[in-house]
């Protein structure tokens, strides 16, 4: 069997296996939640979809904490050579995506709290059998903010994917390959 071994410099230019796993796992969960978010809000008669949606949001917050810890402990690969404006745009887009990965589940939790207070009073919600504390009432329409935030995040993810595809098919560089789960 003649398996190709990765060149040592390829290992330095790729994200770790754990970073790639967390990236793609969170991407799949987040996109699925964003695409089903409208059905979640409109299906108040069906308790399953909103519960799964809210539970997945808490899973995303946990995965984000793990991802940030991993990122803190393991430096990303060195940047590829790109024009300065592209590097700055990528840094800004990544900062926006990380902020979104925190803020969207948090606004969802606030919206969920708002809904639970209206429906059940002050008793805590239960997701996957775990009691979830209710957050303070700030008198804000968190459902609206969460809904529009989801649309903004979907646009950010589309921009992120478009940039990765541009690097792969137009620039023909290794930007996308560094994050692919296989290879």
N, C-alpha and C. Protein backbone atom coordinates (compact mmCIF):
# COMPACT_ATOMS: atom_id res chain seq x y z
N UNK A 1 0.85 -1.17 0.00
CA UNK A 1 0.00 0.00 0.00
C UNK A 1 0.89 1.23 0.00
N UNK A 2 0.66 2.15 -0.92
CA UNK A 2 1.51 3.31 -1.09
C UNK A 2 0.75 4.56 -0.65
N UNK A 3 0.60 4.74 0.63
CA UNK A 3 -0.13 5.91 1.14
C UNK A 3 0.78 7.12 1.14
N UNK A 4 0.23 8.25 0.70
CA UNK A 4 1.02 9.48 0.70
C UNK A 4 1.09 10.03 2.10
N UNK A 5 2.28 10.36 2.50
CA UNK A 5 2.44 10.98 3.82
C UNK A 5 2.43 12.48 3.65
N UNK A 6 1.86 13.16 4.64
CA UNK A 6 1.80 14.61 4.60
C UNK A 6 3.20 15.18 4.83
N UNK A 7 3.53 16.18 4.07
CA UNK A 7 4.80 16.88 4.24
C UNK A 7 4.74 17.63 5.57
N UNK A 8 5.85 17.69 6.32
CA UNK A 8 5.82 18.36 7.63
C UNK A 8 5.31 19.80 7.56
N UNK A 9 5.62 20.53 6.49
CA UNK A 9 5.14 21.91 6.41
C UNK A 9 3.64 21.95 6.19
N UNK A 10 3.04 20.90 5.60
CA UNK A 10 1.58 20.84 5.45
C UNK A 10 0.92 20.77 6.82
N UNK A 11 1.53 20.03 7.75
CA UNK A 11 0.95 19.92 9.09
C UNK A 11 0.96 21.27 9.78
N UNK A 12 2.00 22.08 9.53
CA UNK A 12 2.08 23.40 10.15
C UNK A 12 1.09 24.38 9.53
N UNK A 13 0.64 24.09 8.31
CA UNK A 13 -0.24 25.04 7.63
C UNK A 13 -1.71 24.62 7.71
N UNK A 14 -2.01 23.55 8.44
CA UNK A 14 -3.39 23.08 8.60
C UNK A 14 -3.88 23.33 10.02
N UNK A 15 -5.17 23.42 10.15
CA UNK A 15 -5.75 23.50 11.48
C UNK A 15 -5.69 22.11 12.11
N UNK A 16 -5.69 22.05 13.43
CA UNK A 16 -5.65 20.76 14.10
C UNK A 16 -6.93 19.98 13.79
N UNK A 17 -6.85 18.70 13.98
CA UNK A 17 -8.01 17.83 13.75
C UNK A 17 -9.19 18.26 14.64
N UNK A 18 -8.90 18.59 15.88
CA UNK A 18 -9.95 19.03 16.81
C UNK A 18 -10.57 20.35 16.34
N UNK A 19 -9.75 21.29 15.90
CA UNK A 19 -10.27 22.57 15.41
C UNK A 19 -11.17 22.35 14.20
N UNK A 20 -10.76 21.47 13.31
CA UNK A 20 -11.58 21.18 12.11
C UNK A 20 -12.88 20.50 12.51
N UNK A 21 -12.82 19.56 13.45
CA UNK A 21 -14.03 18.87 13.91
C UNK A 21 -15.01 19.87 14.53
N UNK A 22 -14.52 20.73 15.42
CA UNK A 22 -15.39 21.72 16.06
C UNK A 22 -15.97 22.68 15.03
N UNK A 23 -15.16 23.11 14.07
CA UNK A 23 -15.62 24.03 13.02
C UNK A 23 -16.79 23.44 12.25
N UNK A 24 -16.62 22.21 11.76
CA UNK A 24 -17.66 21.61 10.91
C UNK A 24 -18.87 21.16 11.71
N UNK A 25 -18.67 20.66 12.93
CA UNK A 25 -19.78 20.27 13.77
C UNK A 25 -20.65 21.49 14.09
N UNK A 26 -20.01 22.58 14.48
CA UNK A 26 -20.76 23.79 14.79
C UNK A 26 -21.41 24.37 13.54
N UNK A 27 -20.73 24.29 12.40
CA UNK A 27 -21.29 24.82 11.16
C UNK A 27 -22.57 24.07 10.78
N UNK A 28 -22.54 22.75 10.86
CA UNK A 28 -23.71 21.95 10.50
C UNK A 28 -24.87 22.24 11.45
N UNK A 29 -24.59 22.26 12.76
CA UNK A 29 -25.66 22.53 13.72
C UNK A 29 -26.23 23.93 13.52
N UNK A 30 -25.34 24.92 13.34
CA UNK A 30 -25.80 26.30 13.23
C UNK A 30 -26.61 26.51 11.96
N UNK A 31 -26.15 26.01 10.84
CA UNK A 31 -26.90 26.18 9.59
C UNK A 31 -28.25 25.47 9.68
N UNK A 32 -28.27 24.27 10.25
CA UNK A 32 -29.55 23.57 10.41
C UNK A 32 -30.50 24.37 11.29
N UNK A 33 -29.98 24.94 12.35
CA UNK A 33 -30.83 25.75 13.24
C UNK A 33 -31.33 27.01 12.53
N UNK A 34 -30.44 27.64 11.77
CA UNK A 34 -30.83 28.86 11.06
C UNK A 34 -31.89 28.58 10.01
N UNK A 35 -31.74 27.46 9.30
CA UNK A 35 -32.70 27.13 8.24
C UNK A 35 -34.05 26.67 8.79
N UNK A 36 -34.06 26.14 10.01
CA UNK A 36 -35.32 25.70 10.61
C UNK A 36 -35.87 26.69 11.62
N UNK A 37 -35.17 27.80 11.82
CA UNK A 37 -35.58 28.78 12.83
C UNK A 37 -36.96 29.34 12.61
N UNK A 38 -37.31 29.63 11.36
CA UNK A 38 -38.65 30.18 11.07
C UNK A 38 -39.74 29.17 11.45
N UNK A 39 -39.53 27.91 11.13
CA UNK A 39 -40.51 26.88 11.48
C UNK A 39 -40.60 26.73 13.00
N UNK A 40 -39.49 26.94 13.68
CA UNK A 40 -39.47 26.84 15.14
C UNK A 40 -40.38 27.89 15.75
N UNK A 41 -40.30 29.10 15.24
CA UNK A 41 -41.08 30.20 15.82
C UNK A 41 -42.55 30.12 15.45
N UNK A 42 -42.85 29.60 14.27
CA UNK A 42 -44.24 29.57 13.83
C UNK A 42 -45.00 28.35 14.33
N UNK A 43 -44.30 27.34 14.80
CA UNK A 43 -44.97 26.11 15.22
C UNK A 43 -45.18 26.01 16.70
N UNK A 44 -45.89 26.97 17.31
CA UNK A 44 -46.08 26.95 18.76
C UNK A 44 -46.92 25.76 19.22
N UNK A 45 -47.74 25.18 18.34
CA UNK A 45 -48.51 24.01 18.73
C UNK A 45 -47.62 22.80 18.91
N UNK A 46 -46.53 22.74 18.14
CA UNK A 46 -45.58 21.65 18.21
C UNK A 46 -44.47 22.02 19.20
N UNK A 47 -44.38 21.33 20.31
CA UNK A 47 -43.40 21.65 21.35
C UNK A 47 -42.04 21.01 21.07
N UNK A 48 -41.99 20.02 20.16
CA UNK A 48 -40.74 19.31 19.94
C UNK A 48 -39.70 20.18 19.24
N UNK A 49 -40.07 20.82 18.12
CA UNK A 49 -39.09 21.60 17.36
C UNK A 49 -38.52 22.76 18.17
N UNK A 50 -39.34 23.56 18.88
CA UNK A 50 -38.74 24.62 19.70
C UNK A 50 -37.81 24.08 20.79
N UNK A 51 -38.16 22.94 21.38
CA UNK A 51 -37.31 22.36 22.42
C UNK A 51 -35.99 21.88 21.84
N UNK A 52 -36.04 21.22 20.69
CA UNK A 52 -34.81 20.76 20.03
C UNK A 52 -33.97 21.96 19.62
N UNK A 53 -34.61 23.00 19.07
CA UNK A 53 -33.92 24.21 18.63
C UNK A 53 -33.20 24.87 19.83
N UNK A 54 -33.92 25.03 20.93
CA UNK A 54 -33.33 25.65 22.12
C UNK A 54 -32.22 24.78 22.69
N UNK A 55 -32.42 23.48 22.73
CA UNK A 55 -31.40 22.56 23.24
C UNK A 55 -30.15 22.62 22.39
N UNK A 56 -30.32 22.66 21.08
CA UNK A 56 -29.16 22.76 20.17
C UNK A 56 -28.43 24.08 20.40
N UNK A 57 -29.17 25.14 20.72
CA UNK A 57 -28.53 26.42 21.03
C UNK A 57 -27.62 26.32 22.24
N UNK A 58 -28.07 25.59 23.27
CA UNK A 58 -27.23 25.39 24.44
C UNK A 58 -26.02 24.52 24.11
N UNK A 59 -26.22 23.53 23.25
CA UNK A 59 -25.09 22.70 22.80
C UNK A 59 -24.08 23.58 22.06
N UNK A 60 -24.57 24.51 21.23
CA UNK A 60 -23.67 25.41 20.52
C UNK A 60 -22.87 26.28 21.49
N UNK A 61 -23.51 26.77 22.54
CA UNK A 61 -22.77 27.58 23.52
C UNK A 61 -21.68 26.75 24.19
N UNK A 62 -21.97 25.49 24.50
CA UNK A 62 -20.97 24.61 25.09
C UNK A 62 -19.83 24.35 24.10
N UNK A 63 -20.18 24.06 22.84
CA UNK A 63 -19.15 23.83 21.82
C UNK A 63 -18.31 25.07 21.60
N UNK A 64 -18.92 26.25 21.68
CA UNK A 64 -18.16 27.48 21.52
C UNK A 64 -17.15 27.63 22.65
N UNK A 65 -17.56 27.32 23.86
CA UNK A 65 -16.62 27.40 25.00
C UNK A 65 -15.44 26.45 24.77
N UNK A 66 -15.73 25.23 24.31
CA UNK A 66 -14.67 24.26 24.02
C UNK A 66 -13.79 24.77 22.89
N UNK A 67 -14.42 25.32 21.87
CA UNK A 67 -13.67 25.83 20.71
C UNK A 67 -12.76 26.99 21.11
N UNK A 68 -13.25 27.91 21.91
CA UNK A 68 -12.43 29.04 22.36
C UNK A 68 -11.27 28.56 23.24
N UNK A 69 -11.56 27.59 24.11
CA UNK A 69 -10.50 27.04 24.94
C UNK A 69 -9.43 26.38 24.06
N UNK A 70 -9.89 25.60 23.07
CA UNK A 70 -8.95 24.92 22.17
C UNK A 70 -8.11 25.93 21.39
N UNK A 71 -8.75 26.98 20.92
CA UNK A 71 -8.07 28.03 20.15
C UNK A 71 -7.04 28.74 21.02
N UNK A 72 -7.37 28.93 22.30
CA UNK A 72 -6.45 29.57 23.22
C UNK A 72 -5.22 28.69 23.45
N UNK A 73 -5.41 27.38 23.54
CA UNK A 73 -4.32 26.44 23.81
C UNK A 73 -3.52 26.07 22.56
N UNK A 74 -4.13 26.19 21.38
CA UNK A 74 -3.48 25.76 20.13
C UNK A 74 -3.56 26.88 19.11
N UNK A 75 -2.44 27.47 18.83
CA UNK A 75 -2.40 28.57 17.87
C UNK A 75 -2.83 28.06 16.50
N UNK A 76 -3.52 28.90 15.73
CA UNK A 76 -3.89 28.48 14.38
C UNK A 76 -2.64 28.45 13.50
N UNK A 77 -2.74 27.80 12.35
CA UNK A 77 -1.59 27.79 11.46
C UNK A 77 -1.27 29.21 11.00
N UNK A 78 -0.05 29.40 10.59
CA UNK A 78 0.33 30.75 10.13
C UNK A 78 -0.49 31.11 8.89
N UNK A 79 -0.73 32.39 8.76
CA UNK A 79 -1.55 32.89 7.66
C UNK A 79 -0.84 32.66 6.32
N UNK A 80 -1.63 32.35 5.33
CA UNK A 80 -1.09 32.26 3.98
C UNK A 80 -0.87 33.67 3.45
N UNK A 81 -0.09 33.79 2.42
CA UNK A 81 0.15 35.11 1.85
C UNK A 81 -1.05 35.55 1.05
N UNK A 82 -1.63 36.65 1.48
CA UNK A 82 -2.76 37.27 0.81
C UNK A 82 -2.57 38.78 0.87
N UNK A 83 -3.25 39.53 0.04
CA UNK A 83 -3.19 40.99 0.17
C UNK A 83 -3.65 41.41 1.57
N UNK A 84 -3.11 42.51 2.05
CA UNK A 84 -3.40 42.99 3.40
C UNK A 84 -4.90 43.20 3.59
N UNK A 85 -5.60 43.70 2.58
CA UNK A 85 -7.03 43.97 2.73
C UNK A 85 -7.80 42.66 2.94
N UNK A 86 -7.36 41.56 2.29
CA UNK A 86 -8.03 40.27 2.47
C UNK A 86 -7.79 39.73 3.88
N UNK A 87 -6.57 39.88 4.38
CA UNK A 87 -6.27 39.42 5.73
C UNK A 87 -7.10 40.19 6.76
N UNK A 88 -7.22 41.50 6.57
CA UNK A 88 -8.03 42.31 7.49
C UNK A 88 -9.51 41.95 7.38
N UNK A 89 -9.98 41.75 6.17
CA UNK A 89 -11.39 41.36 5.97
C UNK A 89 -11.66 40.00 6.61
N UNK A 90 -10.74 39.07 6.45
CA UNK A 90 -10.90 37.74 7.05
C UNK A 90 -10.91 37.84 8.57
N UNK A 91 -10.03 38.65 9.12
CA UNK A 91 -9.98 38.82 10.58
C UNK A 91 -11.29 39.42 11.09
N UNK A 92 -11.81 40.42 10.39
CA UNK A 92 -13.08 41.05 10.79
C UNK A 92 -14.24 40.06 10.67
N UNK A 93 -14.27 39.29 9.58
CA UNK A 93 -15.34 38.32 9.38
C UNK A 93 -15.29 37.23 10.45
N UNK A 94 -14.10 36.76 10.78
CA UNK A 94 -13.98 35.74 11.82
C UNK A 94 -14.41 36.29 13.18
N UNK A 95 -14.04 37.53 13.47
CA UNK A 95 -14.47 38.15 14.74
C UNK A 95 -15.99 38.25 14.77
N UNK A 96 -16.60 38.63 13.64
CA UNK A 96 -18.06 38.73 13.58
C UNK A 96 -18.71 37.36 13.75
N UNK A 97 -18.13 36.32 13.16
CA UNK A 97 -18.67 34.97 13.31
C UNK A 97 -18.56 34.47 14.75
N UNK A 98 -17.43 34.73 15.40
CA UNK A 98 -17.29 34.32 16.80
C UNK A 98 -18.29 35.07 17.67
N UNK A 99 -18.45 36.38 17.42
CA UNK A 99 -19.44 37.17 18.19
C UNK A 99 -20.84 36.60 17.96
N UNK A 100 -21.14 36.24 16.71
CA UNK A 100 -22.45 35.68 16.38
C UNK A 100 -22.66 34.34 17.06
N UNK A 101 -21.60 33.51 17.13
CA UNK A 101 -21.73 32.21 17.77
C UNK A 101 -22.03 32.34 19.26
N UNK A 102 -21.66 33.49 19.84
CA UNK A 102 -21.99 33.75 21.24
C UNK A 102 -23.35 34.45 21.37
N UNK A 103 -23.54 35.51 20.57
CA UNK A 103 -24.72 36.36 20.74
C UNK A 103 -26.02 35.70 20.27
N UNK A 104 -25.97 34.93 19.21
CA UNK A 104 -27.20 34.32 18.71
C UNK A 104 -27.78 33.32 19.72
N UNK A 105 -26.99 32.39 20.26
CA UNK A 105 -27.55 31.52 21.30
C UNK A 105 -27.97 32.30 22.56
N UNK A 106 -27.22 33.34 22.90
CA UNK A 106 -27.58 34.13 24.07
C UNK A 106 -28.91 34.86 23.87
N UNK A 107 -29.11 35.47 22.69
CA UNK A 107 -30.41 36.11 22.43
C UNK A 107 -31.52 35.07 22.34
N UNK A 108 -31.17 33.87 21.86
CA UNK A 108 -32.14 32.78 21.86
C UNK A 108 -32.54 32.39 23.27
N UNK A 109 -31.57 32.33 24.17
CA UNK A 109 -31.85 32.02 25.57
C UNK A 109 -32.75 33.10 26.17
N UNK A 110 -32.44 34.37 25.86
CA UNK A 110 -33.28 35.46 26.36
C UNK A 110 -34.69 35.38 25.78
N UNK A 111 -34.80 35.05 24.48
CA UNK A 111 -36.12 34.90 23.86
C UNK A 111 -36.86 33.71 24.46
N UNK A 112 -36.15 32.63 24.70
CA UNK A 112 -36.73 31.45 25.31
C UNK A 112 -37.24 31.78 26.71
N UNK A 113 -36.44 32.51 27.48
CA UNK A 113 -36.84 32.94 28.82
C UNK A 113 -38.12 33.77 28.75
N UNK A 114 -38.15 34.70 27.79
CA UNK A 114 -39.33 35.55 27.61
C UNK A 114 -40.57 34.70 27.33
N UNK A 115 -40.41 33.70 26.45
CA UNK A 115 -41.52 32.82 26.10
C UNK A 115 -41.96 31.98 27.31
N UNK A 116 -40.99 31.41 28.02
CA UNK A 116 -41.31 30.56 29.17
C UNK A 116 -42.02 31.37 30.25
N UNK A 117 -41.57 32.61 30.49
CA UNK A 117 -42.22 33.46 31.51
C UNK A 117 -43.68 33.71 31.15
N UNK A 118 -43.94 33.97 29.85
CA UNK A 118 -45.31 34.21 29.42
C UNK A 118 -46.16 32.95 29.53
N UNK A 119 -45.59 31.82 29.19
CA UNK A 119 -46.36 30.57 29.15
C UNK A 119 -46.48 29.90 30.52
N UNK A 120 -45.43 29.95 31.32
CA UNK A 120 -45.41 29.15 32.54
C UNK A 120 -45.14 29.93 33.82
N UNK A 121 -44.88 31.20 33.74
CA UNK A 121 -44.55 31.97 34.94
C UNK A 121 -43.07 31.94 35.21
N UNK A 122 -42.69 31.86 36.46
CA UNK A 122 -41.28 32.00 36.81
C UNK A 122 -40.54 30.68 37.02
N UNK A 123 -41.19 29.55 36.82
CA UNK A 123 -40.46 28.29 37.02
C UNK A 123 -39.47 28.08 35.87
N UNK A 124 -38.31 27.50 36.16
CA UNK A 124 -37.28 27.34 35.13
C UNK A 124 -37.70 26.34 34.05
N UNK A 125 -37.12 26.53 32.91
CA UNK A 125 -37.38 25.63 31.78
C UNK A 125 -36.54 24.37 31.95
N UNK A 126 -36.88 23.35 31.20
CA UNK A 126 -36.14 22.10 31.24
C UNK A 126 -35.81 21.70 29.81
N UNK A 127 -34.53 21.53 29.54
CA UNK A 127 -34.07 21.08 28.23
C UNK A 127 -33.25 19.82 28.42
N UNK A 128 -33.61 18.77 27.71
CA UNK A 128 -32.95 17.48 27.86
C UNK A 128 -32.96 17.04 29.32
N UNK A 129 -33.98 17.46 30.08
CA UNK A 129 -34.09 17.08 31.48
C UNK A 129 -33.26 17.92 32.43
N UNK A 130 -32.53 18.90 31.91
CA UNK A 130 -31.70 19.77 32.74
C UNK A 130 -32.45 21.08 32.95
N UNK A 131 -32.51 21.53 34.20
CA UNK A 131 -33.17 22.80 34.51
C UNK A 131 -32.32 23.95 33.98
N UNK A 132 -32.94 24.79 33.18
CA UNK A 132 -32.26 25.95 32.60
C UNK A 132 -32.75 27.19 33.34
N UNK A 133 -31.84 27.95 33.94
CA UNK A 133 -32.30 29.13 34.66
C UNK A 133 -32.88 30.19 33.71
N UNK A 134 -33.86 30.88 34.21
CA UNK A 134 -34.44 31.97 33.44
C UNK A 134 -33.58 33.21 33.65
N UNK A 135 -33.36 33.95 32.58
CA UNK A 135 -32.57 35.17 32.65
C UNK A 135 -33.46 36.33 33.08
N UNK A 136 -32.86 37.44 33.50
CA UNK A 136 -33.68 38.60 33.90
C UNK A 136 -34.51 39.12 32.74
N UNK A 137 -35.62 39.76 33.07
CA UNK A 137 -36.48 40.38 32.06
C UNK A 137 -35.98 41.80 31.83
N UNK A 138 -35.49 42.07 30.64
CA UNK A 138 -34.95 43.39 30.31
C UNK A 138 -35.97 44.26 29.58
N UNK A 139 -37.17 43.72 29.35
CA UNK A 139 -38.19 44.49 28.65
C UNK A 139 -37.87 44.70 27.18
N UNK A 140 -37.14 43.79 26.58
CA UNK A 140 -36.72 43.88 25.18
C UNK A 140 -37.38 42.75 24.40
N UNK A 141 -37.70 43.00 23.15
CA UNK A 141 -38.27 41.95 22.30
C UNK A 141 -37.13 41.08 21.76
N UNK A 142 -36.73 40.10 22.55
CA UNK A 142 -35.59 39.24 22.18
C UNK A 142 -35.91 38.34 21.00
N UNK A 143 -37.17 37.98 20.82
CA UNK A 143 -37.54 37.17 19.66
C UNK A 143 -37.20 37.90 18.37
N UNK A 144 -37.53 39.19 18.31
CA UNK A 144 -37.24 39.98 17.11
C UNK A 144 -35.74 40.09 16.87
N UNK A 145 -35.00 40.37 17.93
CA UNK A 145 -33.54 40.50 17.81
C UNK A 145 -32.93 39.16 17.40
N UNK A 146 -33.39 38.08 18.00
CA UNK A 146 -32.88 36.74 17.68
C UNK A 146 -33.21 36.38 16.22
N UNK A 147 -34.41 36.70 15.79
CA UNK A 147 -34.84 36.41 14.43
C UNK A 147 -33.97 37.16 13.41
N UNK A 148 -33.81 38.46 13.59
CA UNK A 148 -32.99 39.23 12.66
C UNK A 148 -31.52 38.90 12.78
N UNK A 149 -31.09 38.58 13.99
CA UNK A 149 -29.70 38.13 14.17
C UNK A 149 -29.43 36.85 13.39
N UNK A 150 -30.40 35.95 13.38
CA UNK A 150 -30.25 34.71 12.61
C UNK A 150 -30.10 34.98 11.12
N UNK A 151 -30.87 35.92 10.62
CA UNK A 151 -30.76 36.28 9.19
C UNK A 151 -29.37 36.87 8.90
N UNK A 152 -28.88 37.71 9.80
CA UNK A 152 -27.56 38.31 9.63
C UNK A 152 -26.47 37.24 9.68
N UNK A 153 -26.59 36.30 10.61
CA UNK A 153 -25.59 35.23 10.72
C UNK A 153 -25.61 34.34 9.49
N UNK A 154 -26.78 34.06 8.96
CA UNK A 154 -26.87 33.27 7.73
C UNK A 154 -26.13 33.98 6.59
N UNK A 155 -26.28 35.30 6.51
CA UNK A 155 -25.55 36.08 5.50
C UNK A 155 -24.04 36.02 5.75
N UNK A 156 -23.62 36.11 7.01
CA UNK A 156 -22.19 36.01 7.34
C UNK A 156 -21.62 34.65 6.96
N UNK A 157 -22.38 33.60 7.24
CA UNK A 157 -21.92 32.25 6.89
C UNK A 157 -21.82 32.11 5.37
N UNK A 158 -22.79 32.64 4.65
CA UNK A 158 -22.74 32.59 3.18
C UNK A 158 -21.52 33.34 2.65
N UNK A 159 -21.22 34.49 3.23
CA UNK A 159 -20.04 35.27 2.84
C UNK A 159 -18.77 34.49 3.14
N UNK A 160 -18.72 33.86 4.30
CA UNK A 160 -17.57 33.05 4.72
C UNK A 160 -17.35 31.89 3.73
N UNK A 161 -18.43 31.20 3.40
CA UNK A 161 -18.33 30.08 2.45
C UNK A 161 -17.93 30.57 1.06
N UNK A 162 -18.49 31.70 0.63
CA UNK A 162 -18.15 32.25 -0.69
C UNK A 162 -16.67 32.63 -0.75
N UNK A 163 -16.15 33.21 0.33
CA UNK A 163 -14.72 33.56 0.36
C UNK A 163 -13.85 32.31 0.29
N UNK A 164 -14.24 31.26 1.02
CA UNK A 164 -13.47 30.01 0.98
C UNK A 164 -13.48 29.41 -0.43
N UNK A 165 -14.65 29.43 -1.07
CA UNK A 165 -14.75 28.89 -2.44
C UNK A 165 -13.97 29.74 -3.44
N UNK A 166 -13.98 31.05 -3.24
CA UNK A 166 -13.19 31.95 -4.10
C UNK A 166 -11.71 31.61 -3.99
N UNK A 167 -11.24 31.39 -2.75
CA UNK A 167 -9.82 31.03 -2.57
C UNK A 167 -9.51 29.69 -3.24
N UNK A 168 -10.44 28.76 -3.17
CA UNK A 168 -10.19 27.44 -3.72
C UNK A 168 -10.25 27.41 -5.25
N UNK A 169 -11.31 28.01 -5.81
CA UNK A 169 -11.52 27.89 -7.26
C UNK A 169 -10.93 29.04 -8.08
N UNK A 170 -10.84 30.22 -7.55
CA UNK A 170 -10.31 31.36 -8.30
C UNK A 170 -8.83 31.55 -8.01
N UNK A 171 -8.49 31.70 -6.72
CA UNK A 171 -7.09 31.92 -6.35
C UNK A 171 -6.27 30.63 -6.38
N UNK A 172 -6.95 29.51 -6.27
CA UNK A 172 -6.31 28.18 -6.26
C UNK A 172 -5.23 28.08 -5.18
N UNK A 173 -5.58 28.56 -3.98
CA UNK A 173 -4.63 28.43 -2.87
C UNK A 173 -5.16 27.41 -1.87
N UNK A 174 -4.48 27.26 -0.73
CA UNK A 174 -4.78 26.21 0.24
C UNK A 174 -5.72 26.67 1.36
N UNK A 175 -6.29 27.84 1.24
CA UNK A 175 -7.12 28.38 2.32
C UNK A 175 -8.22 27.40 2.72
N UNK A 176 -9.00 26.92 1.80
CA UNK A 176 -10.09 25.99 2.11
C UNK A 176 -9.55 24.64 2.57
N UNK A 177 -8.54 24.15 1.91
CA UNK A 177 -8.01 22.82 2.23
C UNK A 177 -7.49 22.72 3.67
N UNK A 178 -7.07 23.85 4.23
CA UNK A 178 -6.55 23.83 5.60
C UNK A 178 -7.64 23.51 6.62
N UNK A 179 -8.93 23.71 6.24
CA UNK A 179 -10.02 23.49 7.20
C UNK A 179 -10.88 22.29 6.81
N UNK A 180 -10.64 21.68 5.67
CA UNK A 180 -11.46 20.52 5.28
C UNK A 180 -11.25 19.37 6.26
N UNK A 181 -12.32 18.62 6.56
CA UNK A 181 -12.20 17.55 7.55
C UNK A 181 -11.40 16.35 7.05
N UNK A 182 -11.28 16.18 5.76
CA UNK A 182 -10.53 15.05 5.22
C UNK A 182 -9.22 15.56 4.64
N UNK A 183 -8.41 14.71 4.10
CA UNK A 183 -7.11 14.95 3.45
C UNK A 183 -6.03 14.31 4.27
